[in-house]
Amino acid sequence: ASAIALEGEVTTNKGQKKPYQTPKAATQADIDCIINDYGIAAVNAMEAGFDAVEIHAANGYLVDCFLQSVSNQRTDKYGGSI
């Protein structure tokens, strides 16, 4: 959701330690695409005969990144208090 770098280092598959890369903040177009994809997934589940869908929104998954003040430092309509 926001461009926040993790502290520390990651070990590559070659045994090298490198700092974590800073992710890019999701753009409005990115968010629109994600919302659309969630809708498509729900329709696909219903068409496949599922009774319900559950969105995992905890433990650092995508939705959680928007819900937590520590990971959501956006200043647009997707930031701030819910």
PDB file of N, CA and C in Angstrom:
ATOM      1  N   ALA A   1       0.816  -1.190   0.000  1.00  0.00           N
ATOM      2  CA  ALA A   1       0.000   0.000   0.000  1.00  0.00           C
ATOM      3  C   ALA A   1       0.861   1.256   0.000  1.00  0.00           C
ATOM      4  N   SER A   2       1.869   1.278   0.873  1.00  0.00           N
ATOM      5  CA  SER A   2       2.752   2.437   0.979  1.00  0.00           C
ATOM      6  C   SER A   2       4.191   2.017   0.693  1.00  0.00           C
ATOM      7  N   ALA A   3       5.000   2.990   0.331  1.00  0.00           N
ATOM      8  CA  ALA A   3       6.410   2.715   0.024  1.00  0.00           C
ATOM      9  C   ALA A   3       7.231   2.775   1.309  1.00  0.00           C
ATOM     10  N   ILE A   4       7.186   1.710   2.081  1.00  0.00           N
ATOM     11  CA  ILE A   4       7.894   1.644   3.357  1.00  0.00           C
ATOM     12  C   ILE A   4       8.906   0.507   3.287  1.00  0.00           C
ATOM     13  N   ALA A   5      10.171   0.845   3.505  1.00  0.00           N
ATOM     14  CA  ALA A   5      11.225  -0.165   3.455  1.00  0.00           C
ATOM     15  C   ALA A   5      11.305  -0.918   4.777  1.00  0.00           C
ATOM     16  N   LEU A   6      11.561  -2.205   4.704  1.00  0.00           N
ATOM     17  CA  LEU A   6      11.830  -3.000   5.900  1.00  0.00           C
ATOM     18  C   LEU A   6      13.251  -2.729   6.358  1.00  0.00           C
ATOM     19  N   GLU A   7      13.477  -2.781   7.654  1.00  0.00           N
ATOM     20  CA  GLU A   7      14.834  -2.666   8.169  1.00  0.00           C
ATOM     21  C   GLU A   7      15.503  -4.031   8.079  1.00  0.00           C
ATOM     22  N   GLY A   8      16.801  -4.022   7.926  1.00  0.00           N
ATOM     23  CA  GLY A   8      17.537  -5.275   7.917  1.00  0.00           C
ATOM     24  C   GLY A   8      17.960  -5.692   6.528  1.00  0.00           C
ATOM     25  N   GLU A   9      18.342  -6.959   6.452  1.00  0.00           N
ATOM     26  CA  GLU A   9      18.854  -7.493   5.193  1.00  0.00           C
ATOM     27  C   GLU A   9      18.197  -8.822   4.874  1.00  0.00           C
ATOM     28  N   VAL A  10      18.246  -9.168   3.613  1.00  0.00           N
ATOM     29  CA  VAL A  10      17.761 -10.450   3.138  1.00  0.00           C
ATOM     30  C   VAL A  10      18.969 -11.202   2.587  1.00  0.00           C
ATOM     31  N   THR A  11      18.978 -12.516   2.752  1.00  0.00           N
ATOM     32  CA  THR A  11      20.043 -13.337   2.194  1.00  0.00           C
ATOM     33  C   THR A  11      19.576 -13.888   0.858  1.00  0.00           C
ATOM     34  N   THR A  12      20.353 -13.649  -0.179  1.00  0.00           N
ATOM     35  CA  THR A  12      19.994 -14.115  -1.509  1.00  0.00           C
ATOM     36  C   THR A  12      20.268 -15.614  -1.635  1.00  0.00           C
ATOM     37  N   ASN A  13      19.852 -16.182  -2.745  1.00  0.00           N
ATOM     38  CA  ASN A  13      20.094 -17.607  -2.982  1.00  0.00           C
ATOM     39  C   ASN A  13      21.580 -17.902  -3.201  1.00  0.00           C
ATOM     40  N   LYS A  14      22.391 -16.853  -3.340  1.00  0.00           N
ATOM     41  CA  LYS A  14      23.839 -17.024  -3.480  1.00  0.00           C
ATOM     42  C   LYS A  14      24.560 -16.736  -2.169  1.00  0.00           C
ATOM     43  N   GLY A  15      23.798 -16.571  -1.078  1.00  0.00           N
ATOM     44  CA  GLY A  15      24.379 -16.351   0.232  1.00  0.00           C
ATOM     45  C   GLY A  15      24.811 -14.924   0.506  1.00  0.00           C
ATOM     46  N   GLN A  16      24.483 -14.021  -0.390  1.00  0.00           N
ATOM     47  CA  GLN A  16      24.844 -12.618  -0.194  1.00  0.00           C
ATOM     48  C   GLN A  16      23.766 -11.908   0.622  1.00  0.00           C
ATOM     49  N   LYS A  17      24.173 -11.008   1.502  1.00  0.00           N
ATOM     50  CA  LYS A  17      23.218 -10.206   2.255  1.00  0.00           C
ATOM     51  C   LYS A  17      23.046  -8.870   1.549  1.00  0.00           C
ATOM     52  N   LYS A  18      21.797  -8.502   1.361  1.00  0.00           N
ATOM     53  CA  LYS A  18      21.470  -7.238   0.699  1.00  0.00           C
ATOM     54  C   LYS A  18      20.345  -6.569   1.476  1.00  0.00           C
ATOM     55  N   PRO A  19      20.311  -5.229   1.465  1.00  0.00           N
ATOM     56  CA  PRO A  19      19.190  -4.552   2.131  1.00  0.00           C
ATOM     57  C   PRO A  19      17.884  -4.845   1.393  1.00  0.00           C
ATOM     58  N   TYR A  20      16.783  -4.859   2.145  1.00  0.00           N
ATOM     59  CA  TYR A  20      15.478  -5.042   1.512  1.00  0.00           C
ATOM     60  C   TYR A  20      15.222  -3.905   0.532  1.00  0.00           C
ATOM     61  N   GLN A  21      14.570  -4.209  -0.557  1.00  0.00           N
ATOM     62  CA  GLN A  21      14.181  -3.173  -1.510  1.00  0.00           C
ATOM     63  C   GLN A  21      12.954  -2.439  -0.984  1.00  0.00           C
ATOM     64  N   THR A  22      12.875  -1.158  -1.255  1.00  0.00           N
ATOM     65  CA  THR A  22      11.685  -0.386  -0.887  1.00  0.00           C
ATOM     66  C   THR A  22      10.612  -0.633  -1.930  1.00  0.00           C
ATOM     67  N   PRO A  23       9.437  -1.089  -1.509  1.00  0.00           N
ATOM     68  CA  PRO A  23       8.368  -1.311  -2.486  1.00  0.00           C
ATOM     69  C   PRO A  23       7.830   0.020  -2.998  1.00  0.00           C
ATOM     70  N   LYS A  24       7.202   0.002  -4.145  1.00  0.00           N
ATOM     71  CA  LYS A  24       6.559   1.217  -4.636  1.00  0.00           C
ATOM     72  C   LYS A  24       5.142   1.266  -4.084  1.00  0.00           C
ATOM     73  N   ALA A  25       4.679   2.460  -3.820  1.00  0.00           N
ATOM     74  CA  ALA A  25       3.296   2.625  -3.359  1.00  0.00           C
ATOM     75  C   ALA A  25       2.353   2.278  -4.507  1.00  0.00           C
ATOM     76  N   ALA A  26       1.247   1.659  -4.181  1.00  0.00           N
ATOM     77  CA  ALA A  26       0.255   1.328  -5.203  1.00  0.00           C
ATOM     78  C   ALA A  26      -0.350   2.615  -5.762  1.00  0.00           C
ATOM     79  N   THR A  27      -0.444   2.688  -7.074  1.00  0.00           N
ATOM     80  CA  THR A  27      -1.074   3.834  -7.726  1.00  0.00           C
ATOM     81  C   THR A  27      -2.591   3.638  -7.739  1.00  0.00           C
ATOM     82  N   GLN A  28      -3.310   4.676  -8.115  1.00  0.00           N
ATOM     83  CA  GLN A  28      -4.765   4.545  -8.239  1.00  0.00           C
ATOM     84  C   GLN A  28      -5.104   3.458  -9.261  1.00  0.00           C
ATOM     85  N   ALA A  29      -4.356   3.405 -10.343  1.00  0.00           N
ATOM     86  CA  ALA A  29      -4.592   2.370 -11.361  1.00  0.00           C
ATOM     87  C   ALA A  29      -4.331   0.977 -10.788  1.00  0.00           C
ATOM     88  N   ASP A  30      -3.277   0.832  -9.973  1.00  0.00           N
ATOM     89  CA  ASP A  30      -2.992  -0.456  -9.322  1.00  0.00           C
ATOM     90  C   ASP A  30      -4.163  -0.873  -8.437  1.00  0.00           C
ATOM     91  N   ILE A  31      -4.646   0.065  -7.632  1.00  0.00           N
ATOM     92  CA  ILE A  31      -5.742  -0.233  -6.703  1.00  0.00           C
ATOM     93  C   ILE A  31      -7.013  -0.579  -7.466  1.00  0.00           C
ATOM     94  N   ASP A  32      -7.320   0.167  -8.518  1.00  0.00           N
ATOM     95  CA  ASP A  32      -8.498  -0.142  -9.345  1.00  0.00           C
ATOM     96  C   ASP A  32      -8.408  -1.554  -9.911  1.00  0.00           C
ATOM     97  N   CYS A  33      -7.229  -1.941 -10.370  1.00  0.00           N
ATOM     98  CA  CYS A  33      -7.013  -3.277 -10.929  1.00  0.00           C
ATOM     99  C   CYS A  33      -7.203  -4.346  -9.849  1.00  0.00           C
ATOM    100  N   ILE A  34      -6.670  -4.101  -8.659  1.00  0.00           N
ATOM    101  CA  ILE A  34      -6.800  -5.061  -7.556  1.00  0.00           C
ATOM    102  C   ILE A  34      -8.265  -5.238  -7.170  1.00  0.00           C
ATOM    103  N   ILE A  35      -8.995  -4.129  -7.066  1.00  0.00           N
ATOM    104  CA  ILE A  35     -10.428  -4.207  -6.726  1.00  0.00           C
ATOM    105  C   ILE A  35     -11.163  -5.013  -7.787  1.00  0.00           C
ATOM    106  N   ASN A  36     -10.863  -4.756  -9.041  1.00  0.00           N
ATOM    107  CA  ASN A  36     -11.485  -5.501 -10.135  1.00  0.00           C
ATOM    108  C   ASN A  36     -11.144  -6.993 -10.053  1.00  0.00           C
ATOM    109  N   ASP A  37      -9.881  -7.303  -9.762  1.00  0.00           N
ATOM    110  CA  ASP A  37      -9.460  -8.706  -9.652  1.00  0.00           C
ATOM    111  C   ASP A  37     -10.171  -9.428  -8.508  1.00  0.00           C
ATOM    112  N   TYR A  38     -10.342  -8.754  -7.371  1.00  0.00           N
ATOM    113  CA  TYR A  38     -11.088  -9.359  -6.259  1.00  0.00           C
ATOM    114  C   TYR A  38     -12.524  -9.661  -6.690  1.00  0.00           C
ATOM    115  N   GLY A  39     -13.137  -8.743  -7.432  1.00  0.00           N
ATOM    116  CA  GLY A  39     -14.498  -8.968  -7.926  1.00  0.00           C
ATOM    117  C   GLY A  39     -14.573 -10.140  -8.882  1.00  0.00           C
ATOM    118  N   ILE A  40     -13.632 -10.231  -9.795  1.00  0.00           N
ATOM    119  CA  ILE A  40     -13.586 -11.352 -10.744  1.00  0.00           C
ATOM    120  C   ILE A  40     -13.415 -12.671  -9.992  1.00  0.00           C
ATOM    121  N   ALA A  41     -12.528 -12.678  -8.999  1.00  0.00           N
ATOM    122  CA  ALA A  41     -12.308 -13.898  -8.219  1.00  0.00           C
ATOM    123  C   ALA A  41     -13.579 -14.329  -7.495  1.00  0.00           C
ATOM    124  N   ALA A  42     -14.318 -13.368  -6.947  1.00  0.00           N
ATOM    125  CA  ALA A  42     -15.567 -13.701  -6.253  1.00  0.00           C
ATOM    126  C   ALA A  42     -16.604 -14.270  -7.224  1.00  0.00           C
ATOM    127  N   VAL A  43     -16.729 -13.662  -8.392  1.00  0.00           N
ATOM    128  CA  VAL A  43     -17.665 -14.172  -9.402  1.00  0.00           C
ATOM    129  C   VAL A  43     -17.261 -15.573  -9.841  1.00  0.00           C
ATOM    130  N   ASN A  44     -15.971 -15.786 -10.073  1.00  0.00           N
ATOM    131  CA  ASN A  44     -15.491 -17.117 -10.462  1.00  0.00           C
ATOM    132  C   ASN A  44     -15.811 -18.152  -9.389  1.00  0.00           C
ATOM    133  N   ALA A  45     -15.651 -17.786  -8.130  1.00  0.00           N
ATOM    134  CA  ALA A  45     -15.948 -18.717  -7.037  1.00  0.00           C
ATOM    135  C   ALA A  45     -17.434 -19.053  -7.012  1.00  0.00           C
ATOM    136  N   MET A  46     -18.279 -18.053  -7.180  1.00  0.00           N
ATOM    137  CA  MET A  46     -19.728 -18.313  -7.185  1.00  0.00           C
ATOM    138  C   MET A  46     -20.117 -19.190  -8.369  1.00  0.00           C
ATOM    139  N   GLU A  47     -19.546 -18.910  -9.534  1.00  0.00           N
ATOM    140  CA  GLU A  47     -19.854 -19.715 -10.719  1.00  0.00           C
ATOM    141  C   GLU A  47     -19.351 -21.144 -10.580  1.00  0.00           C
ATOM    142  N   ALA A  48     -18.331 -21.337  -9.764  1.00  0.00           N
ATOM    143  CA  ALA A  48     -17.801 -22.683  -9.523  1.00  0.00           C
ATOM    144  C   ALA A  48     -18.588 -23.421  -8.446  1.00  0.00           C
ATOM    145  N   GLY A  49     -19.588 -22.751  -7.851  1.00  0.00           N
ATOM    146  CA  GLY A  49     -20.448 -23.409  -6.883  1.00  0.00           C
ATOM    147  C   GLY A  49     -20.116 -23.144  -5.423  1.00  0.00           C
ATOM    148  N   PHE A  50     -19.177 -22.258  -5.151  1.00  0.00           N
ATOM    149  CA  PHE A  50     -18.859 -21.922  -3.765  1.00  0.00           C
ATOM    150  C   PHE A  50     -20.018 -21.161  -3.147  1.00  0.00           C
ATOM    151  N   ASP A  51     -20.248 -21.373  -1.856  1.00  0.00           N
ATOM    152  CA  ASP A  51     -21.305 -20.663  -1.140  1.00  0.00           C
ATOM    153  C   ASP A  51     -20.861 -19.277  -0.689  1.00  0.00           C
ATOM    154  N   ALA A  52     -19.582 -19.106  -0.498  1.00  0.00           N
ATOM    155  CA  ALA A  52     -19.056 -17.844   0.009  1.00  0.00           C
ATOM    156  C   ALA A  52     -17.589 -17.729  -0.358  1.00  0.00           C
ATOM    157  N   VAL A  53     -17.070 -16.517  -0.204  1.00  0.00           N
ATOM    158  CA  VAL A  53     -15.637 -16.294  -0.342  1.00  0.00           C
ATOM    159  C   VAL A  53     -15.155 -15.600   0.918  1.00  0.00           C
ATOM    160  N   GLU A  54     -13.931 -15.861   1.275  1.00  0.00           N
ATOM    161  CA  GLU A  54     -13.330 -15.233   2.444  1.00  0.00           C
ATOM    162  C   GLU A  54     -12.074 -14.507   1.988  1.00  0.00           C
ATOM    163  N   ILE A  55     -11.953 -13.268   2.400  1.00  0.00           N
ATOM    164  CA  ILE A  55     -10.772 -12.487   2.059  1.00  0.00           C
ATOM    165  C   ILE A  55      -9.868 -12.461   3.278  1.00  0.00           C
ATOM    166  N   HIS A  56      -8.668 -12.975   3.119  1.00  0.00           N
ATOM    167  CA  HIS A  56      -7.704 -12.977   4.229  1.00  0.00           C
ATOM    168  C   HIS A  56      -7.152 -11.563   4.366  1.00  0.00           C
ATOM    169  N   ALA A  57      -7.494 -10.907   5.461  1.00  0.00           N
ATOM    170  CA  ALA A  57      -7.131  -9.505   5.645  1.00  0.00           C
ATOM    171  C   ALA A  57      -6.359  -9.301   6.942  1.00  0.00           C
ATOM    172  N   ALA A  58      -5.397 -10.167   7.217  1.00  0.00           N
ATOM    173  CA  ALA A  58      -4.595 -10.051   8.437  1.00  0.00           C
ATOM    174  C   ALA A  58      -3.151 -10.413   8.132  1.00  0.00           C
ATOM    175  N   ASN A  59      -2.306 -10.251   9.119  1.00  0.00           N
ATOM    176  CA  ASN A  59      -0.920 -10.738   9.094  1.00  0.00           C
ATOM    177  C   ASN A  59      -0.083 -10.216   7.929  1.00  0.00           C
ATOM    178  N   GLY A  60      -0.315  -8.974   7.529  1.00  0.00           N
ATOM    179  CA  GLY A  60       0.515  -8.373   6.495  1.00  0.00           C
ATOM    180  C   GLY A  60       0.093  -8.651   5.063  1.00  0.00           C
ATOM    181  N   TYR A  61      -1.010  -9.370   4.873  1.00  0.00           N
ATOM    182  CA  TYR A  61      -1.501  -9.574   3.512  1.00  0.00           C
ATOM    183  C   TYR A  61      -2.012  -8.243   2.966  1.00  0.00           C
ATOM    184  N   LEU A  62      -2.305  -8.188   1.684  1.00  0.00           N
ATOM    185  CA  LEU A  62      -2.581  -6.931   0.999  1.00  0.00           C
ATOM    186  C   LEU A  62      -3.630  -6.067   1.696  1.00  0.00           C
ATOM    187  N   VAL A  63      -4.793  -6.600   2.004  1.00  0.00           N
ATOM    188  CA  VAL A  63      -5.845  -5.802   2.630  1.00  0.00           C
ATOM    189  C   VAL A  63      -5.364  -5.263   3.974  1.00  0.00           C
ATOM    190  N   ASP A  64      -4.658  -6.082   4.731  1.00  0.00           N
ATOM    191  CA  ASP A  64      -4.134  -5.669   6.037  1.00  0.00           C
ATOM    192  C   ASP A  64      -3.195  -4.480   5.899  1.00  0.00           C
ATOM    193  N   CYS A  65      -2.449  -4.419   4.813  1.00  0.00           N
ATOM    194  CA  CYS A  65      -1.529  -3.289   4.601  1.00  0.00           C
ATOM    195  C   CYS A  65      -2.271  -1.965   4.521  1.00  0.00           C
ATOM    196  N   PHE A  66      -3.510  -1.998   4.057  1.00  0.00           N
ATOM    197  CA  PHE A  66      -4.318  -0.784   4.002  1.00  0.00           C
ATOM    198  C   PHE A  66      -4.997  -0.501   5.337  1.00  0.00           C
ATOM    199  N   LEU A  67      -5.209  -1.519   6.161  1.00  0.00           N
ATOM    200  CA  LEU A  67      -5.918  -1.352   7.430  1.00  0.00           C
ATOM    201  C   LEU A  67      -5.019  -0.915   8.579  1.00  0.00           C
ATOM    202  N   GLN A  68      -3.735  -1.197   8.494  1.00  0.00           N
ATOM    203  CA  GLN A  68      -2.813  -0.921   9.596  1.00  0.00           C
ATOM    204  C   GLN A  68      -2.119   0.436   9.413  1.00  0.00           C
ATOM    205  N   SER A  69      -2.147   1.255  10.469  1.00  0.00           N
ATOM    206  CA  SER A  69      -1.526   2.581  10.383  1.00  0.00           C
ATOM    207  C   SER A  69      -0.009   2.497  10.211  1.00  0.00           C
ATOM    208  N   VAL A  70       0.590   1.410  10.675  1.00  0.00           N
ATOM    209  CA  VAL A  70       2.042   1.244  10.551  1.00  0.00           C
ATOM    210  C   VAL A  70       2.456   1.002   9.103  1.00  0.00           C
ATOM    211  N   SER A  71       1.608   0.351   8.325  1.00  0.00           N
ATOM    212  CA  SER A  71       1.949   0.053   6.937  1.00  0.00           C
ATOM    213  C   SER A  71       1.224   0.955   5.945  1.00  0.00           C
ATOM    214  N   ASN A  72       0.210   1.670   6.391  1.00  0.00           N
ATOM    215  CA  ASN A  72      -0.527   2.554   5.495  1.00  0.00           C
ATOM    216  C   ASN A  72      -0.228   4.000   5.864  1.00  0.00           C
ATOM    217  N   GLN A  73       0.685   4.580   5.134  1.00  0.00           N
ATOM    218  CA  GLN A  73       1.031   5.978   5.363  1.00  0.00           C
ATOM    219  C   GLN A  73       0.634   6.834   4.166  1.00  0.00           C
ATOM    220  N   ARG A  74      -0.410   6.397   3.499  1.00  0.00           N
ATOM    221  CA  ARG A  74      -0.900   7.100   2.318  1.00  0.00           C
ATOM    222  C   ARG A  74      -1.568   8.403   2.735  1.00  0.00           C
ATOM    223  N   THR A  75      -1.599   9.346   1.819  1.00  0.00           N
ATOM    224  CA  THR A  75      -2.259  10.623   2.080  1.00  0.00           C
ATOM    225  C   THR A  75      -3.452  10.839   1.145  1.00  0.00           C
ATOM    226  N   ASP A  76      -3.781   9.829   0.352  1.00  0.00           N
ATOM    227  CA  ASP A  76      -4.939   9.921  -0.531  1.00  0.00           C
ATOM    228  C   ASP A  76      -6.169   9.327   0.148  1.00  0.00           C
ATOM    229  N   LYS A  77      -7.200   9.032  -0.603  1.00  0.00           N
ATOM    230  CA  LYS A  77      -8.434   8.514  -0.004  1.00  0.00           C
ATOM    231  C   LYS A  77      -8.283   7.114   0.572  1.00  0.00           C
ATOM    232  N   TYR A  78      -7.175   6.442   0.318  1.00  0.00           N
ATOM    233  CA  TYR A  78      -6.933   5.114   0.875  1.00  0.00           C
ATOM    234  C   TYR A  78      -6.074   5.161   2.131  1.00  0.00           C
ATOM    235  N   GLY A  79      -5.718   6.338   2.586  1.00  0.00           N
ATOM    236  CA  GLY A  79      -4.913   6.487   3.800  1.00  0.00           C
ATOM    237  C   GLY A  79      -5.757   6.994   4.948  1.00  0.00           C
ATOM    238  N   GLY A  80      -5.131   7.102   6.105  1.00  0.00           N
ATOM    239  CA  GLY A  80      -5.800   7.658   7.278  1.00  0.00           C
ATOM    240  C   GLY A  80      -6.632   6.636   8.018  1.00  0.00           C
ATOM    241  N   SER A  81      -7.376   7.107   8.982  1.00  0.00           N
ATOM    242  CA  SER A  81      -8.176   6.256   9.853  1.00  0.00           C
ATOM    243  C   SER A  81      -9.352   5.628   9.121  1.00  0.00           C
ATOM    244  N   ILE A  82      -9.658   4.384   9.478  1.00  0.00           N
ATOM    245  CA  ILE A  82     -10.849   3.766   8.890  1.00  0.00           C
ATOM    246  C   ILE A  82     -12.018   3.995   9.796  1.00  0.00           C
TER     247      ILE A  82
END
